[in-house]
Amino acid sequence: MSQYLYNNINSSISQNYITMAYERPQILAWLSPLDPRVQHKKVQAMRVDNVGHWFLETEEFRSWYDGSGSCGSDSAVLFCCAHSGVGKTFIR
């Protein structure tokens, strides 16, 4: 490959990365107008102390959290599945 062609390809690739980095916020805003940070702050402000405290004190949760559960994995994922509006978001 000639040096001229190589330089032009590299220049084009660099320019595309710069353009993509510049346009990324605009593209994300177009895809979703929701701002997760703003939403998180709203939810955080509405939380009430001790919501879901009973759940966090169960033996099942404690063994998962401590990594002492029957699966023996300290990298297990906790998946909370419930209907909308039951309070999953507000558990502290």
N, C-alpha and C. Protein backbone atom coordinates (compact mmCIF):
# COMPACT_ATOMS: atom_id res chain seq x y z
N MET A 1 0.85 -1.17 0.00
CA MET A 1 0.00 0.00 0.00
C MET A 1 0.90 1.23 0.00
N SER A 2 0.57 2.17 -0.80
CA SER A 2 1.41 3.36 -0.88
C SER A 2 1.24 4.21 0.38
N GLN A 3 2.26 4.96 0.68
CA GLN A 3 2.23 5.84 1.85
C GLN A 3 1.10 6.87 1.74
N TYR A 4 0.87 7.37 0.54
CA TYR A 4 -0.20 8.35 0.31
C TYR A 4 -1.56 7.76 0.69
N LEU A 5 -1.84 6.54 0.20
CA LEU A 5 -3.11 5.88 0.47
C LEU A 5 -3.23 5.57 1.97
N TYR A 6 -2.15 5.10 2.55
CA TYR A 6 -2.13 4.77 3.98
C TYR A 6 -2.44 6.01 4.82
N ASN A 7 -1.82 7.13 4.50
CA ASN A 7 -2.05 8.38 5.24
C ASN A 7 -3.49 8.86 5.09
N ASN A 8 -4.04 8.74 3.87
CA ASN A 8 -5.43 9.16 3.65
C ASN A 8 -6.42 8.29 4.42
N ILE A 9 -6.16 6.99 4.46
CA ILE A 9 -7.04 6.08 5.21
C ILE A 9 -6.97 6.42 6.70
N ASN A 10 -5.78 6.59 7.23
CA ASN A 10 -5.63 6.92 8.65
C ASN A 10 -6.29 8.26 8.97
N SER A 11 -6.13 9.22 8.09
CA SER A 11 -6.74 10.53 8.29
C SER A 11 -8.26 10.42 8.31
N SER A 12 -8.80 9.62 7.40
CA SER A 12 -10.24 9.43 7.32
C SER A 12 -10.77 8.73 8.56
N ILE A 13 -10.06 7.72 9.02
CA ILE A 13 -10.47 7.00 10.23
C ILE A 13 -10.43 7.94 11.43
N SER A 14 -9.37 8.71 11.56
CA SER A 14 -9.26 9.65 12.68
C SER A 14 -10.39 10.67 12.64
N GLN A 15 -10.70 11.17 11.47
CA GLN A 15 -11.77 12.15 11.32
C GLN A 15 -13.11 11.55 11.72
N ASN A 16 -13.34 10.28 11.37
CA ASN A 16 -14.59 9.62 11.73
C ASN A 16 -14.71 9.47 13.23
N TYR A 17 -13.62 9.12 13.91
CA TYR A 17 -13.66 9.00 15.37
C TYR A 17 -13.97 10.34 16.01
N ILE A 18 -13.38 11.41 15.51
CA ILE A 18 -13.63 12.74 16.06
C ILE A 18 -15.09 13.13 15.84
N THR A 19 -15.59 12.88 14.65
CA THR A 19 -16.99 13.20 14.34
C THR A 19 -17.92 12.38 15.22
N MET A 20 -17.63 11.09 15.36
CA MET A 20 -18.48 10.24 16.19
C MET A 20 -18.46 10.70 17.64
N ALA A 21 -17.30 11.06 18.17
CA ALA A 21 -17.21 11.54 19.55
C ALA A 21 -17.98 12.83 19.72
N TYR A 22 -17.92 13.69 18.74
CA TYR A 22 -18.63 14.97 18.80
C TYR A 22 -20.14 14.77 18.73
N GLU A 23 -20.58 13.84 17.89
CA GLU A 23 -22.01 13.63 17.67
C GLU A 23 -22.64 12.67 18.68
N ARG A 24 -21.84 11.97 19.45
CA ARG A 24 -22.37 10.95 20.36
C ARG A 24 -23.46 11.49 21.28
N PRO A 25 -23.26 12.61 21.98
CA PRO A 25 -24.33 13.12 22.85
C PRO A 25 -25.61 13.44 22.09
N GLN A 26 -25.46 13.96 20.88
CA GLN A 26 -26.65 14.29 20.07
C GLN A 26 -27.38 13.02 19.64
N ILE A 27 -26.63 12.01 19.28
CA ILE A 27 -27.24 10.74 18.86
C ILE A 27 -27.96 10.11 20.05
N LEU A 28 -27.33 10.09 21.21
CA LEU A 28 -27.96 9.51 22.39
C LEU A 28 -29.21 10.27 22.78
N ALA A 29 -29.19 11.58 22.69
CA ALA A 29 -30.38 12.38 23.00
C ALA A 29 -31.50 12.09 22.01
N TRP A 30 -31.13 11.84 20.77
CA TRP A 30 -32.13 11.51 19.75
C TRP A 30 -32.74 10.13 20.02
N LEU A 31 -31.90 9.18 20.42
CA LEU A 31 -32.39 7.83 20.70
C LEU A 31 -33.32 7.80 21.90
N SER A 32 -32.96 8.53 22.94
CA SER A 32 -33.78 8.57 24.13
C SER A 32 -33.61 9.91 24.81
N PRO A 33 -34.69 10.64 24.95
CA PRO A 33 -34.60 11.94 25.61
C PRO A 33 -34.46 11.82 27.13
N LEU A 34 -34.57 10.60 27.66
CA LEU A 34 -34.46 10.40 29.10
C LEU A 34 -33.01 10.53 29.54
N ASP A 35 -32.80 11.20 30.64
CA ASP A 35 -31.47 11.33 31.21
C ASP A 35 -31.43 10.48 32.48
N PRO A 36 -30.74 9.34 32.46
CA PRO A 36 -30.75 8.43 33.62
C PRO A 36 -30.29 9.10 34.92
N ARG A 37 -29.34 10.01 34.83
CA ARG A 37 -28.87 10.68 36.05
C ARG A 37 -29.98 11.52 36.68
N VAL A 38 -30.73 12.22 35.86
CA VAL A 38 -31.83 13.03 36.38
C VAL A 38 -32.90 12.14 37.00
N GLN A 39 -33.24 11.06 36.31
CA GLN A 39 -34.23 10.12 36.82
C GLN A 39 -33.77 9.51 38.14
N HIS A 40 -32.49 9.14 38.23
CA HIS A 40 -31.95 8.56 39.47
C HIS A 40 -32.05 9.56 40.62
N LYS A 41 -31.72 10.81 40.36
CA LYS A 41 -31.80 11.85 41.39
C LYS A 41 -33.25 12.02 41.87
N LYS A 42 -34.21 11.97 40.95
CA LYS A 42 -35.62 12.10 41.34
C LYS A 42 -36.04 10.95 42.25
N VAL A 43 -35.69 9.74 41.86
CA VAL A 43 -36.04 8.57 42.66
C VAL A 43 -35.35 8.63 44.01
N GLN A 44 -34.09 9.00 44.01
CA GLN A 44 -33.32 9.09 45.25
C GLN A 44 -33.96 10.09 46.22
N ALA A 45 -34.45 11.20 45.69
CA ALA A 45 -35.07 12.22 46.53
C ALA A 45 -36.39 11.76 47.12
N MET A 46 -37.07 10.83 46.45
CA MET A 46 -38.37 10.35 46.91
C MET A 46 -38.27 9.16 47.85
N ARG A 47 -37.09 8.61 48.05
CA ARG A 47 -36.95 7.43 48.90
C ARG A 47 -37.28 7.75 50.35
N VAL A 48 -37.82 6.75 51.03
CA VAL A 48 -38.16 6.86 52.43
C VAL A 48 -37.32 5.84 53.18
N ASP A 49 -36.79 6.23 54.32
CA ASP A 49 -35.95 5.31 55.09
C ASP A 49 -36.69 4.02 55.42
N ASN A 50 -35.95 2.94 55.40
CA ASN A 50 -36.40 1.60 55.79
C ASN A 50 -37.41 0.96 54.86
N VAL A 51 -37.62 1.51 53.66
CA VAL A 51 -38.48 0.83 52.68
C VAL A 51 -37.74 -0.43 52.23
N GLY A 52 -38.38 -1.55 52.33
CA GLY A 52 -37.76 -2.81 51.94
C GLY A 52 -36.77 -3.34 52.95
N HIS A 53 -36.71 -2.72 54.12
CA HIS A 53 -35.75 -3.15 55.14
C HIS A 53 -35.95 -4.62 55.50
N TRP A 54 -37.20 -5.05 55.55
CA TRP A 54 -37.50 -6.44 55.88
C TRP A 54 -36.82 -7.40 54.91
N PHE A 55 -36.79 -7.01 53.63
CA PHE A 55 -36.17 -7.86 52.61
C PHE A 55 -34.66 -7.94 52.81
N LEU A 56 -34.05 -6.80 53.11
CA LEU A 56 -32.61 -6.76 53.28
C LEU A 56 -32.14 -7.51 54.52
N GLU A 57 -33.05 -7.80 55.43
CA GLU A 57 -32.70 -8.52 56.65
C GLU A 57 -33.00 -10.02 56.57
N THR A 58 -33.55 -10.49 55.47
CA THR A 58 -33.85 -11.92 55.36
C THR A 58 -32.56 -12.73 55.26
N GLU A 59 -32.63 -13.96 55.69
CA GLU A 59 -31.47 -14.85 55.63
C GLU A 59 -31.04 -15.10 54.19
N GLU A 60 -32.01 -15.20 53.29
CA GLU A 60 -31.69 -15.44 51.89
C GLU A 60 -30.87 -14.29 51.29
N PHE A 61 -31.30 -13.05 51.58
CA PHE A 61 -30.56 -11.91 51.06
C PHE A 61 -29.18 -11.82 51.71
N ARG A 62 -29.12 -12.00 53.02
CA ARG A 62 -27.84 -11.91 53.73
C ARG A 62 -26.83 -12.94 53.21
N SER A 63 -27.29 -14.15 52.97
CA SER A 63 -26.35 -15.17 52.47
C SER A 63 -25.90 -14.85 51.05
N TRP A 64 -26.80 -14.27 50.25
CA TRP A 64 -26.40 -13.83 48.91
C TRP A 64 -25.39 -12.70 49.01
N TYR A 65 -25.68 -11.72 49.84
CA TYR A 65 -24.83 -10.53 49.98
C TYR A 65 -23.45 -10.90 50.53
N ASP A 66 -23.41 -11.80 51.49
CA ASP A 66 -22.12 -12.21 52.09
C ASP A 66 -21.36 -13.20 51.21
N GLY A 67 -22.04 -13.76 50.22
CA GLY A 67 -21.40 -14.77 49.37
C GLY A 67 -21.33 -16.13 50.04
N SER A 68 -22.11 -16.31 51.11
CA SER A 68 -22.08 -17.57 51.84
C SER A 68 -23.24 -18.48 51.47
N GLY A 69 -23.94 -18.17 50.41
CA GLY A 69 -25.09 -18.96 49.98
C GLY A 69 -24.69 -20.33 49.47
N SER A 70 -25.69 -21.13 49.16
CA SER A 70 -25.44 -22.50 48.72
C SER A 70 -24.69 -22.57 47.40
N CYS A 71 -24.80 -21.54 46.55
CA CYS A 71 -24.10 -21.57 45.27
C CYS A 71 -22.62 -21.28 45.46
N GLY A 72 -22.24 -20.63 46.55
CA GLY A 72 -20.83 -20.38 46.84
C GLY A 72 -20.18 -19.35 45.94
N SER A 73 -20.95 -18.63 45.19
CA SER A 73 -20.38 -17.65 44.28
C SER A 73 -20.50 -16.25 44.86
N ASP A 74 -19.38 -15.52 44.87
CA ASP A 74 -19.44 -14.15 45.36
C ASP A 74 -19.73 -13.17 44.24
N SER A 75 -19.97 -13.68 43.04
CA SER A 75 -20.26 -12.80 41.92
C SER A 75 -21.66 -13.05 41.36
N ALA A 76 -22.53 -13.64 42.16
CA ALA A 76 -23.88 -13.94 41.71
C ALA A 76 -24.66 -12.64 41.52
N VAL A 77 -25.61 -12.67 40.62
CA VAL A 77 -26.44 -11.52 40.32
C VAL A 77 -27.76 -11.66 41.06
N LEU A 78 -28.21 -10.57 41.64
CA LEU A 78 -29.51 -10.55 42.29
C LEU A 78 -30.52 -9.99 41.30
N PHE A 79 -31.54 -10.75 41.01
CA PHE A 79 -32.56 -10.33 40.06
C PHE A 79 -33.88 -10.20 40.80
N CYS A 80 -34.42 -8.99 40.84
CA CYS A 80 -35.69 -8.74 41.52
C CYS A 80 -36.78 -8.60 40.47
N CYS A 81 -37.70 -9.52 40.48
CA CYS A 81 -38.78 -9.52 39.50
C CYS A 81 -40.10 -9.30 40.24
N ALA A 82 -40.80 -8.25 39.88
CA ALA A 82 -42.10 -7.97 40.48
C ALA A 82 -42.85 -7.00 39.57
N HIS A 83 -44.12 -6.84 39.85
CA HIS A 83 -44.95 -5.92 39.07
C HIS A 83 -44.48 -4.49 39.23
N SER A 84 -44.84 -3.65 38.27
CA SER A 84 -44.53 -2.22 38.35
C SER A 84 -45.21 -1.59 39.54
N GLY A 85 -44.51 -0.70 40.19
CA GLY A 85 -45.10 0.08 41.27
C GLY A 85 -45.09 -0.57 42.64
N VAL A 86 -44.41 -1.71 42.78
CA VAL A 86 -44.40 -2.37 44.08
C VAL A 86 -43.26 -1.91 44.99
N GLY A 87 -42.33 -1.12 44.46
CA GLY A 87 -41.30 -0.52 45.31
C GLY A 87 -39.88 -1.01 45.11
N LYS A 88 -39.62 -1.78 44.07
CA LYS A 88 -38.25 -2.28 43.86
C LYS A 88 -37.24 -1.16 43.78
N THR A 89 -37.61 -0.09 43.12
CA THR A 89 -36.69 1.04 42.90
C THR A 89 -36.35 1.73 44.22
N PHE A 90 -37.24 1.67 45.18
CA PHE A 90 -37.08 2.44 46.40
C PHE A 90 -36.38 1.68 47.53
N ILE A 91 -36.04 0.43 47.33
CA ILE A 91 -35.35 -0.34 48.37
C ILE A 91 -33.98 0.29 48.61
N ARG A 92 -33.67 0.53 49.83
CA ARG A 92 -32.36 1.09 50.21
C ARG A 92 -31.47 0.01 50.73
